[in-house]
Amino acid sequence: MELLQLAVLISALLCSLVAGFVLCFAIIVMPGIKTLGIRDFFKSFKAMDRIIQNNQPFFMVVWLGSTLTLVTSTMLGIWRLEGPDLSLLIFACVMYLLGVHLPTITINIPLNNRLQSLDLDATMESELHEIAELFESHWLRWNTIRTVVATLTTLMLLVLLLRL
């Protein structure tokens, strides 16, 4: 197996794990904690987010590794590929960076940080419901986008692997 093939394979694996992670949040975690009361919903979300933001090692390897290996694969591909294969790889990389990591940095993390700064015990229930409406709809919309993009990126990388 050549270095480019190995890099694309690892990229596909890590991007698929990211896709699975954000998909699980969309279809299991968020709907599950939504069945709790609003205060418990936020407490649960904050607890999970703290683990992620405290740089849980496996999560960090997968999340950051997906970006590093995909950018590395793309750089290797620029030297080794041409035509549709190169276009597919570049498109997958740009789409992943813009559709998964950019929204994470500019939307999801800031929303999470605002929630982390919220004193849930001192906030009235009615205020929590207002915050939840804004938080959930915005957070979930962008999580859905991240899920679709990470899944499509994985699919493109698998197609590319079959062509290499």
N, C-alpha and C. Protein backbone atom coordinates (compact mmCIF):
# COMPACT_ATOMS: atom_id res chain seq x y z
N MET A 1 0.85 -1.18 0.00
CA MET A 1 0.00 0.00 0.00
C MET A 1 0.90 1.24 0.00
N GLU A 2 0.61 2.14 -0.89
CA GLU A 2 1.39 3.37 -0.97
C GLU A 2 1.00 4.34 0.14
N LEU A 3 1.88 5.31 0.38
CA LEU A 3 1.65 6.30 1.43
C LEU A 3 0.34 7.07 1.20
N LEU A 4 0.07 7.46 -0.04
CA LEU A 4 -1.16 8.18 -0.33
C LEU A 4 -2.39 7.33 0.00
N GLN A 5 -2.37 6.08 -0.40
CA GLN A 5 -3.50 5.19 -0.10
C GLN A 5 -3.70 5.04 1.40
N LEU A 6 -2.60 4.88 2.13
CA LEU A 6 -2.69 4.75 3.58
C LEU A 6 -3.24 6.03 4.21
N ALA A 7 -2.77 7.17 3.74
CA ALA A 7 -3.26 8.45 4.28
C ALA A 7 -4.75 8.62 4.00
N VAL A 8 -5.19 8.28 2.80
CA VAL A 8 -6.62 8.40 2.46
C VAL A 8 -7.44 7.40 3.28
N LEU A 9 -6.91 6.20 3.49
CA LEU A 9 -7.61 5.21 4.30
C LEU A 9 -7.79 5.70 5.74
N ILE A 10 -6.72 6.22 6.33
CA ILE A 10 -6.81 6.74 7.70
C ILE A 10 -7.75 7.94 7.75
N SER A 11 -7.68 8.80 6.74
CA SER A 11 -8.61 9.94 6.67
C SER A 11 -10.05 9.46 6.63
N ALA A 12 -10.33 8.47 5.80
CA ALA A 12 -11.69 7.94 5.69
C ALA A 12 -12.15 7.35 7.03
N LEU A 13 -11.26 6.63 7.69
CA LEU A 13 -11.61 6.05 8.98
C LEU A 13 -11.94 7.14 10.00
N LEU A 14 -11.06 8.12 10.12
CA LEU A 14 -11.27 9.16 11.12
C LEU A 14 -12.48 10.04 10.78
N CYS A 15 -12.66 10.36 9.51
CA CYS A 15 -13.84 11.16 9.12
C CYS A 15 -15.13 10.38 9.38
N SER A 16 -15.08 9.05 9.19
CA SER A 16 -16.28 8.24 9.46
C SER A 16 -16.57 8.20 10.96
N LEU A 17 -15.52 8.18 11.78
CA LEU A 17 -15.74 8.22 13.23
C LEU A 17 -16.32 9.57 13.66
N VAL A 18 -15.86 10.66 13.06
CA VAL A 18 -16.44 11.97 13.34
C VAL A 18 -17.90 11.99 12.90
N ALA A 19 -18.17 11.45 11.72
CA ALA A 19 -19.56 11.40 11.24
C ALA A 19 -20.43 10.61 12.21
N GLY A 20 -19.92 9.50 12.70
CA GLY A 20 -20.66 8.68 13.66
C GLY A 20 -20.89 9.42 14.97
N PHE A 21 -19.89 10.15 15.40
CA PHE A 21 -20.00 10.90 16.65
C PHE A 21 -21.10 11.97 16.55
N VAL A 22 -21.05 12.78 15.50
CA VAL A 22 -22.04 13.85 15.38
C VAL A 22 -23.43 13.27 15.07
N LEU A 23 -23.47 12.14 14.36
CA LEU A 23 -24.75 11.47 14.11
C LEU A 23 -25.36 10.97 15.42
N CYS A 24 -24.54 10.37 16.28
CA CYS A 24 -25.06 9.88 17.57
C CYS A 24 -25.60 11.03 18.41
N PHE A 25 -24.92 12.17 18.37
CA PHE A 25 -25.45 13.33 19.09
C PHE A 25 -26.81 13.72 18.52
N ALA A 26 -26.94 13.69 17.19
CA ALA A 26 -28.17 14.13 16.55
C ALA A 26 -29.35 13.19 16.82
N ILE A 27 -29.09 11.87 16.78
CA ILE A 27 -30.22 10.94 16.83
C ILE A 27 -30.41 10.22 18.16
N ILE A 28 -29.40 10.30 19.05
CA ILE A 28 -29.52 9.60 20.33
C ILE A 28 -29.33 10.55 21.52
N VAL A 29 -28.19 11.21 21.57
CA VAL A 29 -27.85 12.01 22.75
C VAL A 29 -28.83 13.16 22.95
N MET A 30 -28.97 14.02 21.94
CA MET A 30 -29.84 15.20 22.11
C MET A 30 -31.30 14.80 22.34
N PRO A 31 -31.86 13.87 21.54
CA PRO A 31 -33.24 13.47 21.84
C PRO A 31 -33.37 12.81 23.21
N GLY A 32 -32.34 12.07 23.63
CA GLY A 32 -32.40 11.41 24.93
C GLY A 32 -32.40 12.39 26.09
N ILE A 33 -31.48 13.35 26.06
CA ILE A 33 -31.43 14.29 27.18
C ILE A 33 -32.56 15.31 27.12
N LYS A 34 -33.20 15.43 25.95
CA LYS A 34 -34.35 16.33 25.82
C LYS A 34 -35.55 15.80 26.62
N THR A 35 -35.56 14.50 26.89
CA THR A 35 -36.66 13.93 27.67
C THR A 35 -36.54 14.29 29.15
N LEU A 36 -35.40 14.80 29.55
CA LEU A 36 -35.21 15.26 30.93
C LEU A 36 -35.83 16.64 31.08
N GLY A 37 -35.98 17.09 32.25
CA GLY A 37 -36.41 18.47 32.46
C GLY A 37 -35.36 19.42 31.88
N ILE A 38 -35.74 20.66 31.65
CA ILE A 38 -34.87 21.61 30.98
C ILE A 38 -33.56 21.82 31.73
N ARG A 39 -33.63 21.91 33.04
CA ARG A 39 -32.42 22.12 33.84
C ARG A 39 -31.50 20.90 33.74
N ASP A 40 -32.09 19.71 33.81
CA ASP A 40 -31.30 18.48 33.68
C ASP A 40 -30.75 18.30 32.27
N PHE A 41 -31.53 18.74 31.28
CA PHE A 41 -31.04 18.72 29.90
C PHE A 41 -29.74 19.51 29.81
N PHE A 42 -29.77 20.73 30.31
CA PHE A 42 -28.58 21.58 30.24
C PHE A 42 -27.44 21.02 31.09
N LYS A 43 -27.75 20.49 32.26
CA LYS A 43 -26.70 19.90 33.10
C LYS A 43 -26.04 18.71 32.39
N SER A 44 -26.85 17.90 31.74
CA SER A 44 -26.31 16.74 31.01
C SER A 44 -25.43 17.19 29.86
N PHE A 45 -25.92 18.16 29.10
CA PHE A 45 -25.15 18.65 27.96
C PHE A 45 -23.83 19.26 28.44
N LYS A 46 -23.90 20.06 29.49
CA LYS A 46 -22.69 20.68 30.02
C LYS A 46 -21.67 19.62 30.48
N ALA A 47 -22.15 18.56 31.10
CA ALA A 47 -21.25 17.51 31.58
C ALA A 47 -20.54 16.83 30.41
N MET A 48 -21.29 16.51 29.36
CA MET A 48 -20.68 15.88 28.18
C MET A 48 -19.71 16.83 27.49
N ASP A 49 -20.12 18.08 27.36
CA ASP A 49 -19.28 19.07 26.69
C ASP A 49 -17.98 19.30 27.46
N ARG A 50 -18.05 19.28 28.80
CA ARG A 50 -16.85 19.46 29.61
C ARG A 50 -15.83 18.36 29.32
N ILE A 51 -16.30 17.15 29.15
CA ILE A 51 -15.39 16.04 28.84
C ILE A 51 -14.68 16.30 27.52
N ILE A 52 -15.44 16.73 26.52
CA ILE A 52 -14.86 17.03 25.21
C ILE A 52 -13.89 18.20 25.32
N GLN A 53 -14.33 19.28 25.96
CA GLN A 53 -13.48 20.47 26.03
C GLN A 53 -12.29 20.32 26.96
N ASN A 54 -12.31 19.30 27.80
CA ASN A 54 -11.14 19.00 28.62
C ASN A 54 -10.17 18.09 27.86
N ASN A 55 -10.34 18.04 26.55
CA ASN A 55 -9.42 17.32 25.65
C ASN A 55 -9.36 15.82 25.93
N GLN A 56 -10.52 15.20 25.98
CA GLN A 56 -10.57 13.75 26.12
C GLN A 56 -9.67 13.16 25.03
N PRO A 57 -8.65 12.37 25.40
CA PRO A 57 -7.60 11.98 24.44
C PRO A 57 -8.11 11.27 23.18
N PHE A 58 -8.96 10.28 23.31
CA PHE A 58 -9.43 9.56 22.13
C PHE A 58 -10.23 10.48 21.22
N PHE A 59 -11.09 11.29 21.83
CA PHE A 59 -11.87 12.23 21.03
C PHE A 59 -10.94 13.17 20.26
N MET A 60 -9.93 13.71 20.93
CA MET A 60 -9.02 14.65 20.28
C MET A 60 -8.26 13.99 19.14
N VAL A 61 -7.82 12.75 19.33
CA VAL A 61 -7.12 12.04 18.26
C VAL A 61 -8.03 11.90 17.05
N VAL A 62 -9.28 11.52 17.28
CA VAL A 62 -10.21 11.34 16.17
C VAL A 62 -10.55 12.68 15.53
N TRP A 63 -10.96 13.66 16.35
CA TRP A 63 -11.44 14.93 15.80
C TRP A 63 -10.34 15.69 15.08
N LEU A 64 -9.23 15.91 15.76
CA LEU A 64 -8.13 16.65 15.14
C LEU A 64 -7.39 15.79 14.11
N GLY A 65 -7.31 14.51 14.39
CA GLY A 65 -6.64 13.59 13.46
C GLY A 65 -7.35 13.53 12.11
N SER A 66 -8.66 13.65 12.12
CA SER A 66 -9.40 13.62 10.85
C SER A 66 -8.96 14.79 9.97
N THR A 67 -8.78 15.93 10.58
CA THR A 67 -8.35 17.12 9.82
C THR A 67 -6.91 16.98 9.36
N LEU A 68 -6.04 16.59 10.28
CA LEU A 68 -4.62 16.48 9.94
C LEU A 68 -4.37 15.45 8.85
N THR A 69 -5.01 14.29 8.96
CA THR A 69 -4.78 13.26 7.94
C THR A 69 -5.42 13.64 6.61
N LEU A 70 -6.55 14.32 6.65
CA LEU A 70 -7.18 14.72 5.39
C LEU A 70 -6.37 15.80 4.69
N VAL A 71 -5.85 16.75 5.44
CA VAL A 71 -4.99 17.78 4.83
C VAL A 71 -3.71 17.14 4.31
N THR A 72 -3.14 16.21 5.07
CA THR A 72 -1.94 15.49 4.62
C THR A 72 -2.23 14.70 3.36
N SER A 73 -3.36 14.00 3.34
CA SER A 73 -3.76 13.24 2.15
C SER A 73 -3.88 14.15 0.94
N THR A 74 -4.48 15.31 1.16
CA THR A 74 -4.67 16.25 0.06
C THR A 74 -3.33 16.77 -0.45
N MET A 75 -2.42 17.08 0.45
CA MET A 75 -1.09 17.53 0.03
C MET A 75 -0.36 16.43 -0.75
N LEU A 76 -0.45 15.20 -0.27
CA LEU A 76 0.16 14.08 -1.01
C LEU A 76 -0.52 13.90 -2.36
N GLY A 77 -1.84 14.06 -2.38
CA GLY A 77 -2.60 13.91 -3.62
C GLY A 77 -2.26 14.96 -4.65
N ILE A 78 -1.96 16.16 -4.20
CA ILE A 78 -1.59 17.22 -5.15
C ILE A 78 -0.33 16.82 -5.91
N TRP A 79 0.57 16.10 -5.26
CA TRP A 79 1.80 15.66 -5.92
C TRP A 79 1.61 14.40 -6.76
N ARG A 80 0.61 13.55 -6.37
CA ARG A 80 0.50 12.23 -6.99
C ARG A 80 -0.70 12.04 -7.91
N LEU A 81 -1.73 12.84 -7.73
CA LEU A 81 -2.97 12.62 -8.47
C LEU A 81 -3.18 13.71 -9.51
N GLU A 82 -4.11 13.42 -10.40
CA GLU A 82 -4.52 14.43 -11.37
C GLU A 82 -5.97 14.16 -11.76
N GLY A 83 -6.54 15.07 -12.50
CA GLY A 83 -7.90 14.91 -13.03
C GLY A 83 -8.94 14.74 -11.95
N PRO A 84 -9.92 13.85 -12.21
CA PRO A 84 -11.06 13.70 -11.29
C PRO A 84 -10.65 13.23 -9.89
N ASP A 85 -9.60 12.40 -9.80
CA ASP A 85 -9.18 11.91 -8.49
C ASP A 85 -8.67 13.06 -7.62
N LEU A 86 -7.87 13.91 -8.20
CA LEU A 86 -7.36 15.07 -7.46
C LEU A 86 -8.50 16.01 -7.10
N SER A 87 -9.39 16.25 -8.04
CA SER A 87 -10.55 17.12 -7.77
C SER A 87 -11.40 16.57 -6.64
N LEU A 88 -11.63 15.27 -6.65
CA LEU A 88 -12.43 14.63 -5.61
C LEU A 88 -11.78 14.81 -4.24
N LEU A 89 -10.48 14.61 -4.17
CA LEU A 89 -9.77 14.73 -2.90
C LEU A 89 -9.77 16.18 -2.40
N ILE A 90 -9.49 17.10 -3.28
CA ILE A 90 -9.48 18.51 -2.88
C ILE A 90 -10.88 18.94 -2.43
N PHE A 91 -11.90 18.54 -3.19
CA PHE A 91 -13.28 18.89 -2.83
C PHE A 91 -13.65 18.30 -1.48
N ALA A 92 -13.28 17.03 -1.24
CA ALA A 92 -13.58 16.39 0.04
C ALA A 92 -12.92 17.14 1.19
N CYS A 93 -11.67 17.52 1.00
CA CYS A 93 -10.94 18.24 2.05
C CYS A 93 -11.56 19.60 2.33
N VAL A 94 -11.81 20.37 1.30
CA VAL A 94 -12.37 21.71 1.48
C VAL A 94 -13.77 21.61 2.10
N MET A 95 -14.57 20.69 1.60
CA MET A 95 -15.92 20.52 2.13
C MET A 95 -15.88 20.14 3.61
N TYR A 96 -14.97 19.26 3.98
CA TYR A 96 -14.86 18.83 5.37
C TYR A 96 -14.43 19.99 6.27
N LEU A 97 -13.42 20.72 5.83
CA LEU A 97 -12.95 21.84 6.64
C LEU A 97 -14.03 22.91 6.80
N LEU A 98 -14.74 23.21 5.72
CA LEU A 98 -15.77 24.26 5.75
C LEU A 98 -17.08 23.78 6.37
N GLY A 99 -17.40 22.50 6.20
CA GLY A 99 -18.70 22.00 6.64
C GLY A 99 -18.71 21.30 7.99
N VAL A 100 -17.52 20.92 8.48
CA VAL A 100 -17.45 20.26 9.79
C VAL A 100 -16.68 21.11 10.79
N HIS A 101 -15.46 21.44 10.45
CA HIS A 101 -14.61 22.13 11.43
C HIS A 101 -14.92 23.62 11.56
N LEU A 102 -15.20 24.30 10.48
CA LEU A 102 -15.52 25.72 10.59
C LEU A 102 -16.78 25.95 11.43
N PRO A 103 -17.88 25.24 11.17
CA PRO A 103 -19.06 25.43 12.03
C PRO A 103 -18.81 25.03 13.48
N THR A 104 -17.98 24.02 13.68
CA THR A 104 -17.65 23.62 15.06
C THR A 104 -16.98 24.77 15.79
N ILE A 105 -16.01 25.39 15.13
CA ILE A 105 -15.24 26.46 15.76
C ILE A 105 -16.05 27.74 15.90
N THR A 106 -16.85 28.06 14.89
CA THR A 106 -17.54 29.36 14.88
C THR A 106 -18.96 29.32 15.45
N ILE A 107 -19.57 28.14 15.52
CA ILE A 107 -20.96 28.07 15.98
C ILE A 107 -21.13 27.16 17.19
N ASN A 108 -20.79 25.88 17.04
CA ASN A 108 -21.08 24.92 18.10
C ASN A 108 -20.28 25.19 19.37
N ILE A 109 -18.98 25.42 19.25
CA ILE A 109 -18.17 25.68 20.45
C ILE A 109 -18.60 26.97 21.14
N PRO A 110 -18.82 28.08 20.40
CA PRO A 110 -19.31 29.28 21.11
C PRO A 110 -20.65 29.05 21.82
N LEU A 111 -21.56 28.30 21.20
CA LEU A 111 -22.83 27.98 21.87
C LEU A 111 -22.56 27.16 23.13
N ASN A 112 -21.68 26.18 23.02
CA ASN A 112 -21.34 25.35 24.17
C ASN A 112 -20.72 26.19 25.28
N ASN A 113 -19.83 27.11 24.90
CA ASN A 113 -19.17 27.95 25.90
C ASN A 113 -20.16 28.87 26.61
N ARG A 114 -21.13 29.39 25.86
CA ARG A 114 -22.16 30.21 26.51
C ARG A 114 -22.94 29.38 27.52
N LEU A 115 -23.24 28.16 27.14
CA LEU A 115 -23.96 27.28 28.05
C LEU A 115 -23.09 26.95 29.26
N GLN A 116 -21.80 26.72 29.05
CA GLN A 116 -20.89 26.42 30.16
C GLN A 116 -20.85 27.57 31.17
N SER A 117 -20.97 28.80 30.69
CA SER A 117 -20.89 29.96 31.58
C SER A 117 -22.21 30.23 32.32
N LEU A 118 -23.26 29.52 31.95
CA LEU A 118 -24.57 29.74 32.54
C LEU A 118 -24.66 29.06 33.91
N ASP A 119 -25.08 29.81 34.92
CA ASP A 119 -25.31 29.25 36.26
C ASP A 119 -26.74 28.68 36.27
N LEU A 120 -26.82 27.40 36.03
CA LEU A 120 -28.14 26.76 35.88
C LEU A 120 -28.99 26.84 37.15
N ASP A 121 -28.35 26.76 38.30
CA ASP A 121 -29.11 26.78 39.55
C ASP A 121 -29.67 28.17 39.84
N ALA A 122 -29.04 29.22 39.30
CA ALA A 122 -29.49 30.59 39.56
C ALA A 122 -30.41 31.12 38.46
N THR A 123 -30.61 30.33 37.41
CA THR A 123 -31.42 30.79 36.28
C THR A 123 -32.84 30.27 36.43
N MET A 124 -33.80 31.16 36.22
CA MET A 124 -35.21 30.79 36.34
C MET A 124 -35.62 29.83 35.22
N GLU A 125 -36.58 29.02 35.50
CA GLU A 125 -37.07 28.00 34.55
C GLU A 125 -37.52 28.63 33.23
N SER A 126 -38.25 29.73 33.30
CA SER A 126 -38.74 30.38 32.07
C SER A 126 -37.58 30.88 31.22
N GLU A 127 -36.55 31.39 31.88
CA GLU A 127 -35.37 31.85 31.15
C GLU A 127 -34.64 30.67 30.50
N LEU A 128 -34.60 29.55 31.20
CA LEU A 128 -33.96 28.34 30.64
C LEU A 128 -34.68 27.87 29.38
N HIS A 129 -36.00 27.97 29.37
CA HIS A 129 -36.77 27.57 28.18
C HIS A 129 -36.45 28.49 27.00
N GLU A 130 -36.31 29.77 27.25
CA GLU A 130 -35.95 30.71 26.17
C GLU A 130 -34.56 30.39 25.62
N ILE A 131 -33.64 30.13 26.53
CA ILE A 131 -32.27 29.79 26.12
C ILE A 131 -32.29 28.48 25.33
N ALA A 132 -33.07 27.53 25.78
CA ALA A 132 -33.13 26.23 25.11
C ALA A 132 -33.63 26.35 23.68
N GLU A 133 -34.65 27.17 23.47
CA GLU A 133 -35.18 27.34 22.11
C GLU A 133 -34.12 27.87 21.17
N LEU A 134 -33.37 28.87 21.60
CA LEU A 134 -32.32 29.43 20.76
C LEU A 134 -31.15 28.45 20.61
N PHE A 135 -30.74 27.86 21.71
CA PHE A 135 -29.59 26.97 21.72
C PHE A 135 -29.85 25.73 20.85
N GLU A 136 -30.93 25.03 21.16
CA GLU A 136 -31.21 23.76 20.48
C GLU A 136 -31.37 23.91 18.98
N SER A 137 -32.18 24.83 18.54
CA SER A 137 -32.44 24.92 17.11
C SER A 137 -31.16 25.26 16.34
N HIS A 138 -30.40 26.19 16.86
CA HIS A 138 -29.16 26.59 16.19
C HIS A 138 -28.11 25.47 16.26
N TRP A 139 -27.93 24.91 17.44
CA TRP A 139 -26.93 23.87 17.64
C TRP A 139 -27.27 22.64 16.80
N LEU A 140 -28.52 22.22 16.84
CA LEU A 140 -28.93 21.02 16.11
C LEU A 140 -28.86 21.21 14.59
N ARG A 141 -29.22 22.39 14.10
CA ARG A 141 -29.13 22.66 12.67
C ARG A 141 -27.70 22.47 12.19
N TRP A 142 -26.77 23.07 12.90
CA TRP A 142 -25.37 22.97 12.48
C TRP A 142 -24.79 21.60 12.75
N ASN A 143 -25.28 20.90 13.75
CA ASN A 143 -24.83 19.53 13.96
C ASN A 143 -25.30 18.63 12.82
N THR A 144 -26.50 18.88 12.32
CA THR A 144 -27.00 18.12 11.17
C THR A 144 -26.14 18.38 9.94
N ILE A 145 -25.79 19.62 9.73
CA ILE A 145 -24.90 19.96 8.60
C ILE A 145 -23.57 19.24 8.75
N ARG A 146 -22.99 19.28 9.95
CA ARG A 146 -21.72 18.59 10.18
C ARG A 146 -21.84 17.09 9.93
N THR A 147 -22.97 16.52 10.32
CA THR A 147 -23.18 15.08 10.12
C THR A 147 -23.22 14.74 8.63
N VAL A 148 -24.00 15.49 7.87
CA VAL A 148 -24.12 15.25 6.43
C VAL A 148 -22.77 15.43 5.74
N VAL A 149 -22.07 16.51 6.07
CA VAL A 149 -20.79 16.78 5.41
C VAL A 149 -19.74 15.73 5.77
N ALA A 150 -19.66 15.35 7.04
CA ALA A 150 -18.69 14.32 7.44
C ALA A 150 -19.00 12.99 6.76
N THR A 151 -20.27 12.67 6.61
CA THR A 151 -20.66 11.43 5.95
C THR A 151 -20.33 11.48 4.46
N LEU A 152 -20.65 12.60 3.81
CA LEU A 152 -20.33 12.74 2.38
C LEU A 152 -18.82 12.73 2.14
N THR A 153 -18.07 13.35 3.05
CA THR A 153 -16.61 13.33 2.92
C THR A 153 -16.09 11.90 3.00
N THR A 154 -16.59 11.15 3.95
CA THR A 154 -16.19 9.74 4.08
C THR A 154 -16.52 8.98 2.81
N LEU A 155 -17.69 9.18 2.28
CA LEU A 155 -18.10 8.50 1.05
C LEU A 155 -17.15 8.86 -0.11
N MET A 156 -16.82 10.14 -0.24
CA MET A 156 -15.91 10.55 -1.31
C MET A 156 -14.52 9.93 -1.14
N LEU A 157 -14.07 9.84 0.09
CA LEU A 157 -12.76 9.23 0.33
C LEU A 157 -12.78 7.74 0.02
N LEU A 158 -13.87 7.07 0.33
CA LEU A 158 -14.00 5.64 0.00
C LEU A 158 -14.03 5.43 -1.51
N VAL A 159 -14.74 6.29 -2.22
CA VAL A 159 -14.75 6.21 -3.69
C VAL A 159 -13.35 6.42 -4.22
N LEU A 160 -12.64 7.40 -3.69
CA LEU A 160 -11.28 7.65 -4.11
C LEU A 160 -10.39 6.44 -3.84
N LEU A 161 -10.53 5.84 -2.69
CA LEU A 161 -9.75 4.64 -2.36
C LEU A 161 -9.97 3.52 -3.38
N LEU A 162 -11.19 3.36 -3.81
CA LEU A 162 -11.48 2.33 -4.81
C LEU A 162 -10.81 2.64 -6.15
N ARG A 163 -10.59 3.91 -6.41
CA ARG A 163 -9.99 4.32 -7.68
C ARG A 163 -8.45 4.29 -7.64
N LEU A 164 -7.87 4.31 -6.44
CA LEU A 164 -6.40 4.34 -6.33
C LEU A 164 -5.78 2.97 -6.53
